Amino acid sequence: LMRPSKSCADMELKSLKKKYKDKRFAAGCD
């Protein structure tokens, strides 16, 4: 939802891992 495309179709592991490491991002996801 944060991507311009609003899709995971063009998402790469590297960018997703940055989000994963940021504990404030999607904080409800344990």
PDB file of all heavy atoms in Angstrom:
ATOM      1  N   LEU A   1       0.814  -1.220   0.000  1.00  0.00           N
ATOM      2  CA  LEU A   1       0.000   0.000   0.000  1.00  0.00           C
ATOM      3  C   LEU A   1       0.846   1.268   0.000  1.00  0.00           C
ATOM      4  O   LEU A   1       0.370   2.329  -0.407  1.00  0.00           O
ATOM      5  CB  LEU A   1      -0.950   0.011   1.197  1.00  0.00           C
ATOM      6  CG  LEU A   1      -2.065  -1.039   1.160  1.00  0.00           C
ATOM      7  CD1 LEU A   1      -2.865  -0.998   2.456  1.00  0.00           C
ATOM      8  CD2 LEU A   1      -2.963  -0.845  -0.056  1.00  0.00           C
ATOM      9  N   MET A   2       2.093   1.158   0.423  1.00  0.00           N
ATOM     10  CA  MET A   2       3.003   2.305   0.455  1.00  0.00           C
ATOM     11  C   MET A   2       3.667   2.552  -0.904  1.00  0.00           C
ATOM     12  O   MET A   2       4.301   3.571  -1.111  1.00  0.00           O
ATOM     13  CB  MET A   2       4.091   2.085   1.509  1.00  0.00           C
ATOM     14  CG  MET A   2       3.589   1.867   2.912  1.00  0.00           C
ATOM     15  SD  MET A   2       2.715   3.278   3.586  1.00  0.00           S
ATOM     16  CE  MET A   2       4.037   4.442   3.715  1.00  0.00           C
ATOM     17  N   ARG A   3       3.530   1.609  -1.809  1.00  0.00           N
ATOM     18  CA  ARG A   3       4.180   1.700  -3.121  1.00  0.00           C
ATOM     19  C   ARG A   3       3.308   2.489  -4.088  1.00  0.00           C
ATOM     20  O   ARG A   3       2.089   2.468  -3.979  1.00  0.00           O
ATOM     21  CB  ARG A   3       4.442   0.296  -3.663  1.00  0.00           C
ATOM     22  CG  ARG A   3       5.347  -0.528  -2.738  1.00  0.00           C
ATOM     23  CD  ARG A   3       5.595  -1.905  -3.276  1.00  0.00           C
ATOM     24  NE  ARG A   3       6.428  -1.879  -4.468  1.00  0.00           N
ATOM     25  CZ  ARG A   3       7.735  -1.665  -4.478  1.00  0.00           C
ATOM     26  NH1 ARG A   3       8.372  -1.441  -3.346  1.00  0.00           N
ATOM     27  NH2 ARG A   3       8.419  -1.678  -5.603  1.00  0.00           N
ATOM     28  N   PRO A   4       3.909   3.168  -5.056  1.00  0.00           N
ATOM     29  CA  PRO A   4       3.108   3.880  -6.062  1.00  0.00           C
ATOM     30  C   PRO A   4       2.128   2.955  -6.786  1.00  0.00           C
ATOM     31  O   PRO A   4       1.009   3.348  -7.097  1.00  0.00           O
ATOM     32  CB  PRO A   4       4.155   4.429  -7.036  1.00  0.00           C
ATOM     33  CG  PRO A   4       5.408   4.531  -6.214  1.00  0.00           C
ATOM     34  CD  PRO A   4       5.343   3.396  -5.226  1.00  0.00           C
ATOM     35  N   SER A   5       2.526   1.705  -6.989  1.00  0.00           N
ATOM     36  CA  SER A   5       1.676   0.749  -7.698  1.00  0.00           C
ATOM     37  C   SER A   5       0.557   0.191  -6.816  1.00  0.00           C
ATOM     38  O   SER A   5      -0.378  -0.425  -7.313  1.00  0.00           O
ATOM     39  CB  SER A   5       2.515  -0.416  -8.217  1.00  0.00           C
ATOM     40  OG  SER A   5       3.033  -1.164  -7.126  1.00  0.00           O
ATOM     41  N   LYS A   6       0.685   0.363  -5.483  1.00  0.00           N
ATOM     42  CA  LYS A   6      -0.246  -0.214  -4.497  1.00  0.00           C
ATOM     43  C   LYS A   6      -0.308  -1.733  -4.621  1.00  0.00           C
ATOM     44  O   LYS A   6      -1.327  -2.352  -4.335  1.00  0.00           O
ATOM     45  CB  LYS A   6      -1.655   0.370  -4.648  1.00  0.00           C
ATOM     46  CG  LYS A   6      -1.750   1.870  -4.535  1.00  0.00           C
ATOM     47  CD  LYS A   6      -1.514   2.319  -3.117  1.00  0.00           C
ATOM     48  CE  LYS A   6      -1.794   3.815  -3.002  1.00  0.00           C
ATOM     49  NZ  LYS A   6      -0.840   4.485  -2.167  1.00  0.00           N
ATOM     50  N   SER A   7       0.783  -2.331  -5.054  1.00  0.00           N
ATOM     51  CA  SER A   7       0.837  -3.768  -5.303  1.00  0.00           C
ATOM     52  C   SER A   7       2.180  -4.330  -4.850  1.00  0.00           C
ATOM     53  O   SER A   7       3.180  -3.618  -4.801  1.00  0.00           O
ATOM     54  CB  SER A   7       0.651  -4.018  -6.806  1.00  0.00           C
ATOM     55  OG  SER A   7       0.865  -5.375  -7.117  1.00  0.00           O
ATOM     56  N   CYS A   8       2.174  -5.623  -4.579  1.00  0.00           N
ATOM     57  CA  CYS A   8       3.438  -6.295  -4.273  1.00  0.00           C
ATOM     58  C   CYS A   8       4.057  -6.879  -5.532  1.00  0.00           C
ATOM     59  O   CYS A   8       5.161  -7.412  -5.483  1.00  0.00           O
ATOM     60  CB  CYS A   8       3.237  -7.377  -3.213  1.00  0.00           C
ATOM     61  SG  CYS A   8       2.237  -8.767  -3.749  1.00  0.00           S
ATOM     62  N   ALA A   9       3.379  -6.743  -6.667  1.00  0.00           N
ATOM     63  CA  ALA A   9       3.851  -7.351  -7.914  1.00  0.00           C
ATOM     64  C   ALA A   9       5.244  -6.862  -8.306  1.00  0.00           C
ATOM     65  O   ALA A   9       6.030  -7.619  -8.875  1.00  0.00           O
ATOM     66  CB  ALA A   9       2.867  -7.085  -9.051  1.00  0.00           C
ATOM     67  N   ASP A  10       5.557  -5.621  -7.983  1.00  0.00           N
ATOM     68  CA  ASP A  10       6.858  -5.058  -8.344  1.00  0.00           C
ATOM     69  C   ASP A  10       7.786  -4.900  -7.131  1.00  0.00           C
ATOM     70  O   ASP A  10       8.787  -4.211  -7.199  1.00  0.00           O
ATOM     71  CB  ASP A  10       6.671  -3.712  -9.058  1.00  0.00           C
ATOM     72  CG  ASP A  10       5.905  -2.698  -8.220  1.00  0.00           C
ATOM     73  OD1 ASP A  10       5.339  -3.067  -7.158  1.00  0.00           O
ATOM     74  OD2 ASP A  10       5.854  -1.526  -8.632  1.00  0.00           O
ATOM     75  N   MET A  11       7.452  -5.551  -6.036  1.00  0.00           N
ATOM     76  CA  MET A  11       8.228  -5.446  -4.804  1.00  0.00           C
ATOM     77  C   MET A  11       9.402  -6.417  -4.822  1.00  0.00           C
ATOM     78  O   MET A  11       9.284  -7.529  -5.327  1.00  0.00           O
ATOM     79  CB  MET A  11       7.313  -5.754  -3.609  1.00  0.00           C
ATOM     80  CG  MET A  11       7.917  -5.447  -2.258  1.00  0.00           C
ATOM     81  SD  MET A  11       6.776  -5.856  -0.902  1.00  0.00           S
ATOM     82  CE  MET A  11       5.407  -4.765  -1.239  1.00  0.00           C
ATOM     83  N   GLU A  12      10.514  -5.985  -4.281  1.00  0.00           N
ATOM     84  CA  GLU A  12      11.704  -6.821  -4.176  1.00  0.00           C
ATOM     85  C   GLU A  12      11.990  -7.114  -2.702  1.00  0.00           C
ATOM     86  O   GLU A  12      11.634  -6.333  -1.828  1.00  0.00           O
ATOM     87  CB  GLU A  12      12.900  -6.123  -4.819  1.00  0.00           C
ATOM     88  CG  GLU A  12      12.751  -5.861  -6.310  1.00  0.00           C
ATOM     89  CD  GLU A  12      12.638  -7.133  -7.136  1.00  0.00           C
ATOM     90  OE1 GLU A  12      13.251  -8.149  -6.750  1.00  0.00           O
ATOM     91  OE2 GLU A  12      11.922  -7.110  -8.162  1.00  0.00           O
ATOM     92  N   LEU A  13      12.671  -8.209  -2.474  1.00  0.00           N
ATOM     93  CA  LEU A  13      13.007  -8.629  -1.115  1.00  0.00           C
ATOM     94  C   LEU A  13      13.744  -7.532  -0.354  1.00  0.00           C
ATOM     95  O   LEU A  13      13.440  -7.269   0.815  1.00  0.00           O
ATOM     96  CB  LEU A  13      13.848  -9.914  -1.152  1.00  0.00           C
ATOM     97  CG  LEU A  13      14.303 -10.458   0.197  1.00  0.00           C
ATOM     98  CD1 LEU A  13      13.112 -10.857   1.056  1.00  0.00           C
ATOM     99  CD2 LEU A  13      15.240 -11.651  -0.004  1.00  0.00           C
ATOM    100  N   LYS A  14      14.682  -6.879  -0.991  1.00  0.00           N
ATOM    101  CA  LYS A  14      15.500  -5.859  -0.329  1.00  0.00           C
ATOM    102  C   LYS A  14      14.640  -4.740   0.253  1.00  0.00           C
ATOM    103  O   LYS A  14      14.828  -4.348   1.411  1.00  0.00           O
ATOM    104  CB  LYS A  14      16.522  -5.284  -1.321  1.00  0.00           C
ATOM    105  CG  LYS A  14      17.485  -4.295  -0.713  1.00  0.00           C
ATOM    106  CD  LYS A  14      18.500  -3.827  -1.740  1.00  0.00           C
ATOM    107  CE  LYS A  14      19.434  -2.792  -1.132  1.00  0.00           C
ATOM    108  NZ  LYS A  14      20.440  -2.338  -2.093  1.00  0.00           N
ATOM    109  N   SER A  15      13.690  -4.233  -0.505  1.00  0.00           N
ATOM    110  CA  SER A  15      12.847  -3.145   0.002  1.00  0.00           C
ATOM    111  C   SER A  15      11.897  -3.660   1.088  1.00  0.00           C
ATOM    112  O   SER A  15      11.613  -2.954   2.056  1.00  0.00           O
ATOM    113  CB  SER A  15      12.068  -2.477  -1.130  1.00  0.00           C
ATOM    114  OG  SER A  15      11.163  -3.374  -1.730  1.00  0.00           O
ATOM    115  N   LEU A  16      11.433  -4.888   0.940  1.00  0.00           N
ATOM    116  CA  LEU A  16      10.550  -5.459   1.954  1.00  0.00           C
ATOM    117  C   LEU A  16      11.295  -5.669   3.269  1.00  0.00           C
ATOM    118  O   LEU A  16      10.755  -5.410   4.345  1.00  0.00           O
ATOM    119  CB  LEU A  16       9.959  -6.776   1.448  1.00  0.00           C
ATOM    120  CG  LEU A  16       8.964  -7.464   2.366  1.00  0.00           C
ATOM    121  CD1 LEU A  16       7.805  -6.540   2.726  1.00  0.00           C
ATOM    122  CD2 LEU A  16       8.446  -8.737   1.718  1.00  0.00           C
ATOM    123  N   LYS A  17      12.546  -6.092   3.194  1.00  0.00           N
ATOM    124  CA  LYS A  17      13.333  -6.296   4.405  1.00  0.00           C
ATOM    125  C   LYS A  17      13.549  -4.978   5.161  1.00  0.00           C
ATOM    126  O   LYS A  17      13.580  -4.969   6.393  1.00  0.00           O
ATOM    127  CB  LYS A  17      14.671  -6.955   4.069  1.00  0.00           C
ATOM    128  CG  LYS A  17      14.524  -8.450   3.806  1.00  0.00           C
ATOM    129  CD  LYS A  17      15.812  -9.104   3.409  1.00  0.00           C
ATOM    130  CE  LYS A  17      16.888  -8.920   4.445  1.00  0.00           C
ATOM    131  NZ  LYS A  17      18.143  -9.618   4.115  1.00  0.00           N
ATOM    132  N   LYS A  18      13.669  -3.863   4.440  1.00  0.00           N
ATOM    133  CA  LYS A  18      13.795  -2.562   5.107  1.00  0.00           C
ATOM    134  C   LYS A  18      12.546  -2.276   5.929  1.00  0.00           C
ATOM    135  O   LYS A  18      12.632  -1.797   7.064  1.00  0.00           O
ATOM    136  CB  LYS A  18      14.019  -1.447   4.087  1.00  0.00           C
ATOM    137  CG  LYS A  18      15.410  -1.410   3.516  1.00  0.00           C
ATOM    138  CD  LYS A  18      15.555  -0.250   2.552  1.00  0.00           C
ATOM    139  CE  LYS A  18      16.891  -0.287   1.850  1.00  0.00           C
ATOM    140  NZ  LYS A  18      17.019   0.772   0.845  1.00  0.00           N
ATOM    141  N   LYS A  19      11.399  -2.551   5.348  1.00  0.00           N
ATOM    142  CA  LYS A  19      10.133  -2.351   6.064  1.00  0.00           C
ATOM    143  C   LYS A  19      10.051  -3.296   7.261  1.00  0.00           C
ATOM    144  O   LYS A  19       9.603  -2.914   8.338  1.00  0.00           O
ATOM    145  CB  LYS A  19       8.938  -2.577   5.138  1.00  0.00           C
ATOM    146  CG  LYS A  19       8.847  -1.606   3.984  1.00  0.00           C
ATOM    147  CD  LYS A  19       8.455  -0.239   4.460  1.00  0.00           C
ATOM    148  CE  LYS A  19       8.180   0.681   3.295  1.00  0.00           C
ATOM    149  NZ  LYS A  19       8.056   2.058   3.703  1.00  0.00           N
ATOM    150  N   TYR A  20      10.465  -4.527   7.062  1.00  0.00           N
ATOM    151  CA  TYR A  20      10.425  -5.539   8.116  1.00  0.00           C
ATOM    152  C   TYR A  20      11.275  -5.103   9.316  1.00  0.00           C
ATOM    153  O   TYR A  20      10.873  -5.264  10.467  1.00  0.00           O
ATOM    154  CB  TYR A  20      10.923  -6.877   7.568  1.00  0.00           C
ATOM    155  CG  TYR A  20      10.923  -8.007   8.582  1.00  0.00           C
ATOM    156  CD1 TYR A  20       9.809  -8.808   8.743  1.00  0.00           C
ATOM    157  CD2 TYR A  20      12.051  -8.261   9.365  1.00  0.00           C
ATOM    158  CE1 TYR A  20       9.799  -9.837   9.678  1.00  0.00           C
ATOM    159  CE2 TYR A  20      12.049  -9.290  10.296  1.00  0.00           C
ATOM    160  CZ  TYR A  20      10.925 -10.072  10.444  1.00  0.00           C
ATOM    161  OH  TYR A  20      10.928 -11.080  11.376  1.00  0.00           O
ATOM    162  N   LYS A  21      12.446  -4.548   9.036  1.00  0.00           N
ATOM    163  CA  LYS A  21      13.368  -4.152  10.111  1.00  0.00           C
ATOM    164  C   LYS A  21      12.896  -2.914  10.871  1.00  0.00           C
ATOM    165  O   LYS A  21      13.298  -2.696  12.010  1.00  0.00           O
ATOM    166  CB  LYS A  21      14.766  -3.921   9.546  1.00  0.00           C
ATOM    167  CG  LYS A  21      15.437  -5.212   9.124  1.00  0.00           C
ATOM    168  CD  LYS A  21      16.783  -4.970   8.486  1.00  0.00           C
ATOM    169  CE  LYS A  21      17.397  -6.274   8.012  1.00  0.00           C
ATOM    170  NZ  LYS A  21      18.651  -6.087   7.309  1.00  0.00           N
ATOM    171  N   ASP A  22      12.037  -2.111  10.255  1.00  0.00           N
ATOM    172  CA  ASP A  22      11.496  -0.914  10.902  1.00  0.00           C
ATOM    173  C   ASP A  22      10.312  -1.321  11.766  1.00  0.00           C
ATOM    174  O   ASP A  22       9.212  -1.539  11.284  1.00  0.00           O
ATOM    175  CB  ASP A  22      11.065   0.101   9.839  1.00  0.00           C
ATOM    176  CG  ASP A  22      10.484   1.375  10.427  1.00  0.00           C
ATOM    177  OD1 ASP A  22      10.333   1.467  11.668  1.00  0.00           O
ATOM    178  OD2 ASP A  22      10.154   2.277   9.640  1.00  0.00           O
ATOM    179  N   LYS A  23      10.541  -1.436  13.075  1.00  0.00           N
ATOM    180  CA  LYS A  23       9.514  -1.919  14.008  1.00  0.00           C
ATOM    181  C   LYS A  23       8.279  -1.012  14.064  1.00  0.00           C
ATOM    182  O   LYS A  23       7.208  -1.443  14.473  1.00  0.00           O
ATOM    183  CB  LYS A  23      10.096  -2.069  15.413  1.00  0.00           C
ATOM    184  CG  LYS A  23      11.314  -2.949  15.491  1.00  0.00           C
ATOM    185  CD  LYS A  23      10.999  -4.402  15.249  1.00  0.00           C
ATOM    186  CE  LYS A  23      12.210  -5.251  15.534  1.00  0.00           C
ATOM    187  NZ  LYS A  23      12.528  -6.200  14.537  1.00  0.00           N
ATOM    188  N   ARG A  24       8.435   0.230  13.636  1.00  0.00           N
ATOM    189  CA  ARG A  24       7.290   1.149  13.629  1.00  0.00           C
ATOM    190  C   ARG A  24       6.374   0.884  12.439  1.00  0.00           C
ATOM    191  O   ARG A  24       5.195   1.197  12.483  1.00  0.00           O
ATOM    192  CB  ARG A  24       7.756   2.602  13.614  1.00  0.00           C
ATOM    193  CG  ARG A  24       8.515   2.988  14.894  1.00  0.00           C
ATOM    194  CD  ARG A  24       9.197   4.318  14.748  1.00  0.00           C
ATOM    195  NE  ARG A  24      10.201   4.170  13.687  1.00  0.00           N
ATOM    196  CZ  ARG A  24      10.734   5.168  13.007  1.00  0.00           C
ATOM    197  NH1 ARG A  24      10.391   6.395  13.270  1.00  0.00           N
ATOM    198  NH2 ARG A  24      11.638   4.949  12.059  1.00  0.00           N
ATOM    199  N   PHE A  25       6.937   0.311  11.382  1.00  0.00           N
ATOM    200  CA  PHE A  25       6.133   0.017  10.199  1.00  0.00           C
ATOM    201  C   PHE A  25       5.300  -1.238  10.441  1.00  0.00           C
ATOM    202  O   PHE A  25       5.828  -2.262  10.867  1.00  0.00           O
ATOM    203  CB  PHE A  25       7.013  -0.183   8.957  1.00  0.00           C
ATOM    204  CG  PHE A  25       6.203  -0.513   7.738  1.00  0.00           C
ATOM    205  CD1 PHE A  25       5.547   0.487   7.049  1.00  0.00           C
ATOM    206  CD2 PHE A  25       6.050  -1.813   7.320  1.00  0.00           C
ATOM    207  CE1 PHE A  25       4.757   0.196   5.954  1.00  0.00           C
ATOM    208  CE2 PHE A  25       5.279  -2.122   6.226  1.00  0.00           C
ATOM    209  CZ  PHE A  25       4.622  -1.120   5.536  1.00  0.00           C
ATOM    210  N   ALA A  26       3.994  -1.146  10.176  1.00  0.00           N
ATOM    211  CA  ALA A  26       3.081  -2.277  10.391  1.00  0.00           C
ATOM    212  C   ALA A  26       3.358  -2.896  11.758  1.00  0.00           C
ATOM    213  O   ALA A  26       3.598  -4.092  11.888  1.00  0.00           O
ATOM    214  CB  ALA A  26       3.205  -3.292   9.268  1.00  0.00           C
ATOM    215  N   ALA A  27       3.322  -2.041  12.767  1.00  0.00           N
ATOM    216  CA  ALA A  27       3.695  -2.441  14.121  1.00  0.00           C
ATOM    217  C   ALA A  27       2.843  -3.596  14.651  1.00  0.00           C
ATOM    218  O   ALA A  27       3.284  -4.347  15.519  1.00  0.00           O
ATOM    219  CB  ALA A  27       3.606  -1.247  15.065  1.00  0.00           C
ATOM    220  N   GLY A  28       1.645  -3.777  14.127  1.00  0.00           N
ATOM    221  CA  GLY A  28       0.778  -4.860  14.567  1.00  0.00           C
ATOM    222  C   GLY A  28       1.189  -6.227  14.047  1.00  0.00           C
ATOM    223  O   GLY A  28       0.665  -7.245  14.493  1.00  0.00           O
ATOM    224  N   CYS A  29       2.120  -6.254  13.117  1.00  0.00           N
ATOM    225  CA  CYS A  29       2.608  -7.528  12.562  1.00  0.00           C
ATOM    226  C   CYS A  29       3.780  -8.000  13.409  1.00  0.00           C
ATOM    227  O   CYS A  29       4.837  -7.380  13.422  1.00  0.00           O
ATOM    228  CB  CYS A  29       3.030  -7.357  11.097  1.00  0.00           C
ATOM    229  SG  CYS A  29       1.651  -6.930  10.026  1.00  0.00           S
ATOM    230  N   ASP A  30       3.565  -9.070  14.125  1.00  0.00           N
ATOM    231  CA  ASP A  30       4.518  -9.567  15.111  1.00  0.00           C
ATOM    232  C   ASP A  30       5.723 -10.234  14.440  1.00  0.00           C
ATOM    233  O   ASP A  30       5.628 -11.345  13.924  1.00  0.00           O
ATOM    234  CB  ASP A  30       3.812 -10.544  16.036  1.00  0.00           C
ATOM    235  CG  ASP A  30       4.604 -10.894  17.269  1.00  0.00           C
ATOM    236  OD1 ASP A  30       5.844 -10.879  17.209  1.00  0.00           O
ATOM    237  OD2 ASP A  30       3.976 -11.187  18.305  1.00  0.00           O
TER     238      ASP A  30
END
